[in-house]
Amino acid sequence: MSVATVNVKEKKCATCSYWMGQRTLKFSGKSPNIIQADAVAYGCMIQNDKKSTPASSCMRWRLWEKIG
């Protein structure tokens, strides 16, 4: 399976608390640096399960709690 890499500072689905895809935080020292996520489309809790990829984005983005 392909893996997408997204910087934690980007407002993308992989960094959003509403995205339901599989993802893992990678750290640089004690700070989260990147997210590695399955590069397939998953549902969004806020957009009625509309499918989106880790690199997608929308106006309803909200920071994933594990990052902040």
PDB file of N, CA and C in Angstrom:
ATOM      1  N   MET A   1       0.832  -1.176   0.000  1.00  0.00           N
ATOM      2  CA  MET A   1       0.000   0.000   0.000  1.00  0.00           C
ATOM      3  C   MET A   1       0.879   1.243   0.000  1.00  0.00           C
ATOM      4  N   SER A   2       0.471   2.250  -0.730  1.00  0.00           N
ATOM      5  CA  SER A   2       1.206   3.517  -0.805  1.00  0.00           C
ATOM      6  C   SER A   2       1.028   4.331   0.466  1.00  0.00           C
ATOM      7  N   VAL A   3       2.043   5.128   0.769  1.00  0.00           N
ATOM      8  CA  VAL A   3       2.005   5.989   1.944  1.00  0.00           C
ATOM      9  C   VAL A   3       2.178   7.434   1.511  1.00  0.00           C
ATOM     10  N   ALA A   4       1.333   8.307   2.042  1.00  0.00           N
ATOM     11  CA  ALA A   4       1.444   9.744   1.790  1.00  0.00           C
ATOM     12  C   ALA A   4       2.120  10.390   2.986  1.00  0.00           C
ATOM     13  N   THR A   5       2.972  11.366   2.725  1.00  0.00           N
ATOM     14  CA  THR A   5       3.651  12.099   3.782  1.00  0.00           C
ATOM     15  C   THR A   5       3.180  13.542   3.747  1.00  0.00           C
ATOM     16  N   VAL A   6       2.691  14.035   4.899  1.00  0.00           N
ATOM     17  CA  VAL A   6       2.154  15.398   4.991  1.00  0.00           C
ATOM     18  C   VAL A   6       2.810  16.094   6.177  1.00  0.00           C
ATOM     19  N   ASN A   7       3.273  17.319   5.968  1.00  0.00           N
ATOM     20  CA  ASN A   7       3.847  18.128   7.041  1.00  0.00           C
ATOM     21  C   ASN A   7       2.733  18.507   8.011  1.00  0.00           C
ATOM     22  N   VAL A   8       2.998  18.465   9.312  1.00  0.00           N
ATOM     23  CA  VAL A   8       1.962  18.769  10.309  1.00  0.00           C
ATOM     24  C   VAL A   8       1.478  20.215  10.250  1.00  0.00           C
ATOM     25  N   LYS A   9       2.225  21.101   9.587  1.00  0.00           N
ATOM     26  CA  LYS A   9       1.833  22.513   9.484  1.00  0.00           C
ATOM     27  C   LYS A   9       0.891  22.787   8.319  1.00  0.00           C
ATOM     28  N   GLU A  10       0.656  21.784   7.477  1.00  0.00           N
ATOM     29  CA  GLU A  10      -0.226  21.956   6.319  1.00  0.00           C
ATOM     30  C   GLU A  10      -1.674  21.687   6.701  1.00  0.00           C
ATOM     31  N   LYS A  11      -2.581  22.460   6.138  1.00  0.00           N
ATOM     32  CA  LYS A  11      -4.014  22.262   6.372  1.00  0.00           C
ATOM     33  C   LYS A  11      -4.553  21.272   5.340  1.00  0.00           C
ATOM     34  N   LYS A  12      -4.231  20.020   5.563  1.00  0.00           N
ATOM     35  CA  LYS A  12      -4.632  18.923   4.686  1.00  0.00           C
ATOM     36  C   LYS A  12      -5.463  17.927   5.478  1.00  0.00           C
ATOM     37  N   CYS A  13      -6.149  17.047   4.798  1.00  0.00           N
ATOM     38  CA  CYS A  13      -6.997  16.067   5.478  1.00  0.00           C
ATOM     39  C   CYS A  13      -6.225  15.209   6.480  1.00  0.00           C
ATOM     40  N   ALA A  14      -4.986  14.859   6.171  1.00  0.00           N
ATOM     41  CA  ALA A  14      -4.201  14.025   7.083  1.00  0.00           C
ATOM     42  C   ALA A  14      -3.934  14.723   8.417  1.00  0.00           C
ATOM     43  N   THR A  15      -4.005  16.056   8.458  1.00  0.00           N
ATOM     44  CA  THR A  15      -3.767  16.807   9.696  1.00  0.00           C
ATOM     45  C   THR A  15      -5.067  17.282  10.341  1.00  0.00           C
ATOM     46  N   CYS A  16      -6.189  16.847   9.802  1.00  0.00           N
ATOM     47  CA  CYS A  16      -7.499  17.302  10.274  1.00  0.00           C
ATOM     48  C   CYS A  16      -8.128  16.297  11.246  1.00  0.00           C
ATOM     49  N   SER A  17      -8.784  16.818  12.274  1.00  0.00           N
ATOM     50  CA  SER A  17      -9.413  15.934  13.267  1.00  0.00           C
ATOM     51  C   SER A  17     -10.632  15.209  12.715  1.00  0.00           C
ATOM     52  N   TYR A  18     -11.212  15.684  11.620  1.00  0.00           N
ATOM     53  CA  TYR A  18     -12.411  15.058  11.056  1.00  0.00           C
ATOM     54  C   TYR A  18     -12.116  13.901  10.107  1.00  0.00           C
ATOM     55  N   TRP A  19     -10.882  13.796   9.641  1.00  0.00           N
ATOM     56  CA  TRP A  19     -10.535  12.758   8.666  1.00  0.00           C
ATOM     57  C   TRP A  19     -10.457  11.407   9.358  1.00  0.00           C
ATOM     58  N   MET A  20     -11.011  10.370   8.752  1.00  0.00           N
ATOM     59  CA  MET A  20     -11.107   9.060   9.383  1.00  0.00           C
ATOM     60  C   MET A  20     -10.068   8.047   8.893  1.00  0.00           C
ATOM     61  N   GLY A  21      -9.083   8.499   8.152  1.00  0.00           N
ATOM     62  CA  GLY A  21      -8.069   7.595   7.625  1.00  0.00           C
ATOM     63  C   GLY A  21      -7.028   7.174   8.645  1.00  0.00           C
ATOM     64  N   GLN A  22      -6.288   6.140   8.297  1.00  0.00           N
ATOM     65  CA  GLN A  22      -5.195   5.642   9.134  1.00  0.00           C
ATOM     66  C   GLN A  22      -4.000   6.571   8.976  1.00  0.00           C
ATOM     67  N   ARG A  23      -3.376   6.950  10.091  1.00  0.00           N
ATOM     68  CA  ARG A  23      -2.227   7.850  10.038  1.00  0.00           C
ATOM     69  C   ARG A  23      -1.357   7.667  11.274  1.00  0.00           C
ATOM     70  N   THR A  24      -0.077   8.038  11.109  1.00  0.00           N
ATOM     71  CA  THR A  24       0.892   7.912  12.172  1.00  0.00           C
ATOM     72  C   THR A  24       1.714   9.185  12.245  1.00  0.00           C
ATOM     73  N   LEU A  25       1.913   9.701  13.451  1.00  0.00           N
ATOM     74  CA  LEU A  25       2.766  10.871  13.653  1.00  0.00           C
ATOM     75  C   LEU A  25       4.226  10.446  13.707  1.00  0.00           C
ATOM     76  N   LYS A  26       5.073  11.213  13.050  1.00  0.00           N
ATOM     77  CA  LYS A  26       6.518  11.016  13.129  1.00  0.00           C
ATOM     78  C   LYS A  26       7.102  12.271  13.769  1.00  0.00           C
ATOM     79  N   PHE A  27       8.060  12.079  14.684  1.00  0.00           N
ATOM     80  CA  PHE A  27       8.598  13.183  15.460  1.00  0.00           C
ATOM     81  C   PHE A  27      10.008  13.566  15.048  1.00  0.00           C
ATOM     82  N   SER A  28      10.322  14.834  15.281  1.00  0.00           N
ATOM     83  CA  SER A  28      11.673  15.365  15.160  1.00  0.00           C
ATOM     84  C   SER A  28      12.001  15.869  16.558  1.00  0.00           C
ATOM     85  N   GLY A  29      12.733  15.084  17.307  1.00  0.00           N
ATOM     86  CA  GLY A  29      12.941  15.396  18.723  1.00  0.00           C
ATOM     87  C   GLY A  29      11.646  15.133  19.468  1.00  0.00           C
ATOM     88  N   LYS A  30      11.147  16.132  20.196  1.00  0.00           N
ATOM     89  CA  LYS A  30       9.907  15.981  20.955  1.00  0.00           C
ATOM     90  C   LYS A  30       8.688  16.548  20.229  1.00  0.00           C
ATOM     91  N   SER A  31       8.911  17.146  19.070  1.00  0.00           N
ATOM     92  CA  SER A  31       7.822  17.784  18.331  1.00  0.00           C
ATOM     93  C   SER A  31       7.364  16.936  17.149  1.00  0.00           C
ATOM     94  N   PRO A  32       6.030  16.878  16.922  1.00  0.00           N
ATOM     95  CA  PRO A  32       5.550  16.178  15.728  1.00  0.00           C
ATOM     96  C   PRO A  32       6.010  16.929  14.475  1.00  0.00           C
ATOM     97  N   ASN A  33       6.446  16.202  13.476  1.00  0.00           N
ATOM     98  CA  ASN A  33       7.012  16.807  12.284  1.00  0.00           C
ATOM     99  C   ASN A  33       6.205  16.474  11.030  1.00  0.00           C
ATOM    100  N   ILE A  34       5.933  15.197  10.821  1.00  0.00           N
ATOM    101  CA  ILE A  34       5.187  14.765   9.646  1.00  0.00           C
ATOM    102  C   ILE A  34       4.149  13.719  10.037  1.00  0.00           C
ATOM    103  N   ILE A  35       3.219  13.507   9.133  1.00  0.00           N
ATOM    104  CA  ILE A  35       2.229  12.451   9.279  1.00  0.00           C
ATOM    105  C   ILE A  35       2.390  11.525   8.085  1.00  0.00           C
ATOM    106  N   GLN A  36       2.437  10.251   8.364  1.00  0.00           N
ATOM    107  CA  GLN A  36       2.417   9.253   7.308  1.00  0.00           C
ATOM    108  C   GLN A  36       1.037   8.621   7.333  1.00  0.00           C
ATOM    109  N   ALA A  37       0.382   8.620   6.180  1.00  0.00           N
ATOM    110  CA  ALA A  37      -0.986   8.114   6.094  1.00  0.00           C
ATOM    111  C   ALA A  37      -1.137   7.219   4.876  1.00  0.00           C
ATOM    112  N   ASP A  38      -2.077   6.288   4.955  1.00  0.00           N
ATOM    113  CA  ASP A  38      -2.404   5.472   3.790  1.00  0.00           C
ATOM    114  C   ASP A  38      -2.843   6.400   2.663  1.00  0.00           C
ATOM    115  N   ALA A  39      -2.278   6.224   1.487  1.00  0.00           N
ATOM    116  CA  ALA A  39      -2.563   7.098   0.354  1.00  0.00           C
ATOM    117  C   ALA A  39      -3.806   6.637  -0.413  1.00  0.00           C
ATOM    118  N   VAL A  40      -4.885   6.473   0.324  1.00  0.00           N
ATOM    119  CA  VAL A  40      -6.178   6.127  -0.272  1.00  0.00           C
ATOM    120  C   VAL A  40      -7.223   7.069   0.302  1.00  0.00           C
ATOM    121  N   ALA A  41      -8.391   7.120  -0.320  1.00  0.00           N
ATOM    122  CA  ALA A  41      -9.459   8.003   0.141  1.00  0.00           C
ATOM    123  C   ALA A  41     -10.217   7.390   1.317  1.00  0.00           C
ATOM    124  N   TYR A  42     -10.457   8.217   2.329  1.00  0.00           N
ATOM    125  CA  TYR A  42     -11.241   7.828   3.501  1.00  0.00           C
ATOM    126  C   TYR A  42     -12.352   8.852   3.699  1.00  0.00           C
ATOM    127  N   GLY A  43     -13.305   8.506   4.543  1.00  0.00           N
ATOM    128  CA  GLY A  43     -14.421   9.393   4.822  1.00  0.00           C
ATOM    129  C   GLY A  43     -14.058  10.547   5.732  1.00  0.00           C
ATOM    130  N   CYS A  44     -14.920  11.567   5.712  1.00  0.00           N
ATOM    131  CA  CYS A  44     -14.769  12.756   6.550  1.00  0.00           C
ATOM    132  C   CYS A  44     -15.995  12.858   7.450  1.00  0.00           C
ATOM    133  N   MET A  45     -15.779  12.961   8.753  1.00  0.00           N
ATOM    134  CA  MET A  45     -16.897  13.017   9.702  1.00  0.00           C
ATOM    135  C   MET A  45     -17.767  14.258   9.536  1.00  0.00           C
ATOM    136  N   ILE A  46     -17.199  15.364   9.121  1.00  0.00           N
ATOM    137  CA  ILE A  46     -17.940  16.627   9.032  1.00  0.00           C
ATOM    138  C   ILE A  46     -18.630  16.809   7.675  1.00  0.00           C
ATOM    139  N   GLN A  47     -18.189  16.072   6.671  1.00  0.00           N
ATOM    140  CA  GLN A  47     -18.763  16.216   5.323  1.00  0.00           C
ATOM    141  C   GLN A  47     -19.530  14.968   4.900  1.00  0.00           C
ATOM    142  N   ASN A  48     -20.313  14.426   5.809  1.00  0.00           N
ATOM    143  CA  ASN A  48     -21.171  13.277   5.507  1.00  0.00           C
ATOM    144  C   ASN A  48     -20.424  12.124   4.839  1.00  0.00           C
ATOM    145  N   ASP A  49     -19.268  11.783   5.378  1.00  0.00           N
ATOM    146  CA  ASP A  49     -18.441  10.678   4.885  1.00  0.00           C
ATOM    147  C   ASP A  49     -17.936  10.851   3.458  1.00  0.00           C
ATOM    148  N   LYS A  50     -17.901  12.094   2.962  1.00  0.00           N
ATOM    149  CA  LYS A  50     -17.306  12.358   1.649  1.00  0.00           C
ATOM    150  C   LYS A  50     -15.870  11.850   1.671  1.00  0.00           C
ATOM    151  N   LYS A  51     -15.459  11.152   0.635  1.00  0.00           N
ATOM    152  CA  LYS A  51     -14.116  10.568   0.580  1.00  0.00           C
ATOM    153  C   LYS A  51     -13.088  11.624   0.203  1.00  0.00           C
ATOM    154  N   SER A  52     -11.934  11.565   0.884  1.00  0.00           N
ATOM    155  CA  SER A  52     -10.835  12.469   0.567  1.00  0.00           C
ATOM    156  C   SER A  52      -9.509  11.774   0.842  1.00  0.00           C
ATOM    157  N   THR A  53      -8.479  12.201   0.146  1.00  0.00           N
ATOM    158  CA  THR A  53      -7.139  11.646   0.324  1.00  0.00           C
ATOM    159  C   THR A  53      -6.403  12.443   1.399  1.00  0.00           C
ATOM    160  N   PRO A  54      -5.263  11.948   1.896  1.00  0.00           N
ATOM    161  CA  PRO A  54      -4.524  12.673   2.916  1.00  0.00           C
ATOM    162  C   PRO A  54      -4.088  14.071   2.481  1.00  0.00           C
ATOM    163  N   ALA A  55      -3.862  14.272   1.195  1.00  0.00           N
ATOM    164  CA  ALA A  55      -3.398  15.568   0.698  1.00  0.00           C
ATOM    165  C   ALA A  55      -4.538  16.513   0.308  1.00  0.00           C
ATOM    166  N   SER A  56      -5.777  16.084   0.435  1.00  0.00           N
ATOM    167  CA  SER A  56      -6.918  16.953   0.131  1.00  0.00           C
ATOM    168  C   SER A  56      -7.067  17.999   1.233  1.00  0.00           C
ATOM    169  N   SER A  57      -7.892  19.015   0.953  1.00  0.00           N
ATOM    170  CA  SER A  57      -8.174  20.023   1.966  1.00  0.00           C
ATOM    171  C   SER A  57      -9.566  20.600   1.730  1.00  0.00           C
ATOM    172  N   CYS A  58     -10.101  21.286   2.758  1.00  0.00           N
ATOM    173  CA  CYS A  58     -11.402  21.931   2.628  1.00  0.00           C
ATOM    174  C   CYS A  58     -11.508  23.086   3.621  1.00  0.00           C
ATOM    175  N   MET A  59     -12.600  23.824   3.553  1.00  0.00           N
ATOM    176  CA  MET A  59     -12.812  24.988   4.413  1.00  0.00           C
ATOM    177  C   MET A  59     -13.172  24.605   5.854  1.00  0.00           C
ATOM    178  N   ARG A  60     -13.494  23.353   6.118  1.00  0.00           N
ATOM    179  CA  ARG A  60     -13.899  22.932   7.465  1.00  0.00           C
ATOM    180  C   ARG A  60     -12.763  22.281   8.250  1.00  0.00           C
ATOM    181  N   TRP A  61     -11.560  22.428   7.788  1.00  0.00           N
ATOM    182  CA  TRP A  61     -10.388  21.836   8.427  1.00  0.00           C
ATOM    183  C   TRP A  61     -10.273  22.268   9.888  1.00  0.00           C
ATOM    184  N   ARG A  62      -9.906  21.305  10.765  1.00  0.00           N
ATOM    185  CA  ARG A  62      -9.653  21.579  12.176  1.00  0.00           C
ATOM    186  C   ARG A  62      -8.462  20.735  12.611  1.00  0.00           C
ATOM    187  N   LEU A  63      -7.513  21.344  13.302  1.00  0.00           N
ATOM    188  CA  LEU A  63      -6.273  20.675  13.693  1.00  0.00           C
ATOM    189  C   LEU A  63      -6.537  19.388  14.466  1.00  0.00           C
ATOM    190  N   TRP A  64      -5.894  18.322  14.058  1.00  0.00           N
ATOM    191  CA  TRP A  64      -5.971  17.022  14.721  1.00  0.00           C
ATOM    192  C   TRP A  64      -5.385  17.172  16.127  1.00  0.00           C
ATOM    193  N   GLU A  65      -6.098  16.720  17.127  1.00  0.00           N
ATOM    194  CA  GLU A  65      -5.735  16.892  18.531  1.00  0.00           C
ATOM    195  C   GLU A  65      -4.349  16.358  18.869  1.00  0.00           C
ATOM    196  N   LYS A  66      -3.939  15.290  18.224  1.00  0.00           N
ATOM    197  CA  LYS A  66      -2.648  14.676  18.531  1.00  0.00           C
ATOM    198  C   LYS A  66      -1.463  15.540  18.088  1.00  0.00           C
ATOM    199  N   ILE A  67      -1.698  16.508  17.214  1.00  0.00           N
ATOM    200  CA  ILE A  67      -0.640  17.393  16.749  1.00  0.00           C
ATOM    201  C   ILE A  67      -0.448  18.554  17.725  1.00  0.00           C
ATOM    202  N   GLY A  68      -1.564  19.147  18.149  1.00  0.00           N
ATOM    203  CA  GLY A  68      -1.541  20.360  18.962  1.00  0.00           C
ATOM    204  C   GLY A  68      -1.249  20.195  20.349  1.00  0.00           C
TER     205      GLY A  68
END
